[in-house]
Amino acid sequence: MNELLEPGMLVKHPEQPNWGLGQVQSVIDGKITVNFEQCGKVTIDGNRVTLLPVFDTDA
């Protein structure tokens, strides 16, 4: 699923719900940089964690 992520998309980290909503900043060679509401900018190894896309921010 991570291969479908693009900059600007909203995501959540499945193991860190307290980080809040995140916006994808970049996706390069399996490394995904996301700016989370409560945690700030984090680089995630897309081979180890599958981020959850968020399409409805009202839910």
N, C-alpha and C. Protein backbone atom coordinates (compact mmCIF):
# COMPACT_ATOMS: atom_id res chain seq x y z
N MET A 1 0.82 -1.21 0.00
CA MET A 1 0.00 0.00 0.00
C MET A 1 0.86 1.27 0.00
N ASN A 2 2.04 1.21 0.65
CA ASN A 2 2.89 2.40 0.73
C ASN A 2 3.32 2.90 -0.65
N GLU A 3 3.41 1.99 -1.63
CA GLU A 3 3.85 2.40 -2.96
C GLU A 3 2.85 3.34 -3.63
N LEU A 4 1.62 3.41 -3.10
CA LEU A 4 0.59 4.30 -3.64
C LEU A 4 0.62 5.69 -3.01
N LEU A 5 1.42 5.85 -1.96
CA LEU A 5 1.46 7.14 -1.26
C LEU A 5 2.20 8.19 -2.09
N GLU A 6 1.68 9.41 -2.02
CA GLU A 6 2.27 10.54 -2.72
C GLU A 6 2.32 11.73 -1.77
N PRO A 7 3.25 12.66 -2.00
CA PRO A 7 3.29 13.87 -1.17
C PRO A 7 1.92 14.57 -1.14
N GLY A 8 1.55 15.00 0.07
CA GLY A 8 0.28 15.68 0.25
C GLY A 8 -0.81 14.78 0.81
N MET A 9 -0.65 13.46 0.65
CA MET A 9 -1.67 12.54 1.16
C MET A 9 -1.64 12.52 2.69
N LEU A 10 -2.81 12.25 3.28
CA LEU A 10 -2.93 12.15 4.73
C LEU A 10 -2.88 10.69 5.14
N VAL A 11 -2.17 10.42 6.24
CA VAL A 11 -1.98 9.05 6.72
C VAL A 11 -2.02 9.01 8.24
N LYS A 12 -2.14 7.78 8.75
CA LYS A 12 -1.97 7.51 10.17
C LYS A 12 -0.99 6.36 10.31
N HIS A 13 -0.25 6.37 11.41
CA HIS A 13 0.68 5.28 11.71
C HIS A 13 -0.10 4.25 12.53
N PRO A 14 -0.17 2.99 12.06
CA PRO A 14 -1.00 1.99 12.74
C PRO A 14 -0.55 1.66 14.16
N GLU A 15 0.73 1.86 14.47
CA GLU A 15 1.24 1.51 15.79
C GLU A 15 1.43 2.72 16.70
N GLN A 16 1.16 3.92 16.16
CA GLN A 16 1.35 5.15 16.93
C GLN A 16 0.14 6.08 16.77
N PRO A 17 -1.03 5.68 17.23
CA PRO A 17 -2.22 6.50 17.04
C PRO A 17 -2.12 7.87 17.72
N ASN A 18 -1.30 7.97 18.76
CA ASN A 18 -1.15 9.24 19.47
C ASN A 18 -0.38 10.28 18.65
N TRP A 19 0.24 9.89 17.54
CA TRP A 19 0.93 10.84 16.67
C TRP A 19 -0.06 11.69 15.90
N GLY A 20 -1.31 11.22 15.78
CA GLY A 20 -2.33 11.96 15.06
C GLY A 20 -2.21 11.80 13.55
N LEU A 21 -2.86 12.69 12.86
CA LEU A 21 -2.89 12.69 11.41
C LEU A 21 -1.55 13.18 10.87
N GLY A 22 -1.09 12.56 9.80
CA GLY A 22 0.17 12.97 9.20
C GLY A 22 0.01 13.28 7.72
N GLN A 23 0.83 14.18 7.23
CA GLN A 23 0.83 14.50 5.80
C GLN A 23 2.16 14.03 5.21
N VAL A 24 2.06 13.22 4.15
CA VAL A 24 3.25 12.71 3.48
C VAL A 24 4.01 13.87 2.85
N GLN A 25 5.32 13.95 3.14
CA GLN A 25 6.17 14.98 2.58
C GLN A 25 6.95 14.46 1.37
N SER A 26 7.43 13.20 1.49
CA SER A 26 8.17 12.60 0.38
C SER A 26 8.17 11.09 0.50
N VAL A 27 8.36 10.43 -0.65
CA VAL A 27 8.49 8.98 -0.71
C VAL A 27 9.67 8.70 -1.65
N ILE A 28 10.78 8.23 -1.07
CA ILE A 28 12.00 8.00 -1.86
C ILE A 28 12.61 6.66 -1.45
N ASP A 29 12.69 5.74 -2.40
CA ASP A 29 13.32 4.43 -2.17
C ASP A 29 12.81 3.74 -0.91
N GLY A 30 11.51 3.74 -0.71
CA GLY A 30 10.92 3.05 0.44
C GLY A 30 10.94 3.84 1.74
N LYS A 31 11.58 5.00 1.73
CA LYS A 31 11.59 5.86 2.92
C LYS A 31 10.51 6.92 2.76
N ILE A 32 9.64 7.00 3.76
CA ILE A 32 8.50 7.91 3.69
C ILE A 32 8.66 8.95 4.80
N THR A 33 8.71 10.20 4.42
CA THR A 33 8.79 11.28 5.39
C THR A 33 7.40 11.85 5.57
N VAL A 34 6.96 11.88 6.84
CA VAL A 34 5.60 12.32 7.18
C VAL A 34 5.68 13.35 8.28
N ASN A 35 4.88 14.40 8.16
CA ASN A 35 4.77 15.41 9.21
C ASN A 35 3.49 15.15 9.99
N PHE A 36 3.65 14.61 11.21
CA PHE A 36 2.50 14.27 12.06
C PHE A 36 2.12 15.43 12.96
N GLU A 37 0.82 15.53 13.26
CA GLU A 37 0.29 16.62 14.10
C GLU A 37 0.96 16.69 15.47
N GLN A 38 1.10 15.55 16.13
CA GLN A 38 1.57 15.53 17.51
C GLN A 38 3.04 15.15 17.67
N CYS A 39 3.68 14.74 16.58
CA CYS A 39 5.03 14.21 16.69
C CYS A 39 6.03 14.96 15.82
N GLY A 40 5.54 15.70 14.85
CA GLY A 40 6.43 16.39 13.93
C GLY A 40 6.87 15.50 12.78
N LYS A 41 7.99 15.85 12.18
CA LYS A 41 8.46 15.15 10.99
C LYS A 41 9.18 13.86 11.36
N VAL A 42 8.76 12.75 10.72
CA VAL A 42 9.31 11.43 10.99
C VAL A 42 9.58 10.75 9.66
N THR A 43 10.73 10.06 9.57
CA THR A 43 11.02 9.25 8.39
C THR A 43 10.76 7.79 8.74
N ILE A 44 9.96 7.14 7.92
CA ILE A 44 9.50 5.77 8.19
C ILE A 44 10.01 4.83 7.11
N ASP A 45 10.47 3.66 7.53
CA ASP A 45 10.88 2.62 6.58
C ASP A 45 9.61 1.93 6.09
N GLY A 46 9.26 2.18 4.85
CA GLY A 46 8.04 1.62 4.27
C GLY A 46 8.07 0.11 4.12
N ASN A 47 9.25 -0.51 4.27
CA ASN A 47 9.35 -1.97 4.24
C ASN A 47 8.96 -2.60 5.57
N ARG A 48 8.93 -1.80 6.61
CA ARG A 48 8.61 -2.31 7.96
C ARG A 48 7.23 -1.89 8.46
N VAL A 49 6.75 -0.74 7.99
CA VAL A 49 5.47 -0.20 8.47
C VAL A 49 4.61 0.17 7.27
N THR A 50 3.36 -0.27 7.29
CA THR A 50 2.40 0.12 6.26
C THR A 50 1.51 1.21 6.83
N LEU A 51 1.66 2.41 6.32
CA LEU A 51 0.86 3.54 6.79
C LEU A 51 -0.57 3.41 6.28
N LEU A 52 -1.50 3.95 7.05
CA LEU A 52 -2.92 3.87 6.71
C LEU A 52 -3.38 5.17 6.08
N PRO A 53 -3.77 5.14 4.80
CA PRO A 53 -4.28 6.37 4.17
C PRO A 53 -5.56 6.84 4.84
N VAL A 54 -5.73 8.15 4.92
CA VAL A 54 -6.93 8.75 5.49
C VAL A 54 -7.58 9.59 4.39
N PHE A 55 -8.80 9.23 4.05
CA PHE A 55 -9.50 9.94 2.98
C PHE A 55 -10.60 10.84 3.51
N ASP A 56 -11.09 10.55 4.73
CA ASP A 56 -12.17 11.33 5.33
C ASP A 56 -11.70 11.85 6.68
N THR A 57 -11.33 13.11 6.75
CA THR A 57 -10.80 13.67 8.00
C THR A 57 -11.88 13.94 9.03
N ASP A 58 -13.15 13.78 8.66
CA ASP A 58 -14.25 13.96 9.61
C ASP A 58 -14.51 12.69 10.41
N ALA A 59 -13.94 11.58 9.97
CA ALA A 59 -14.21 10.28 10.64
C ALA A 59 -13.31 10.08 11.82
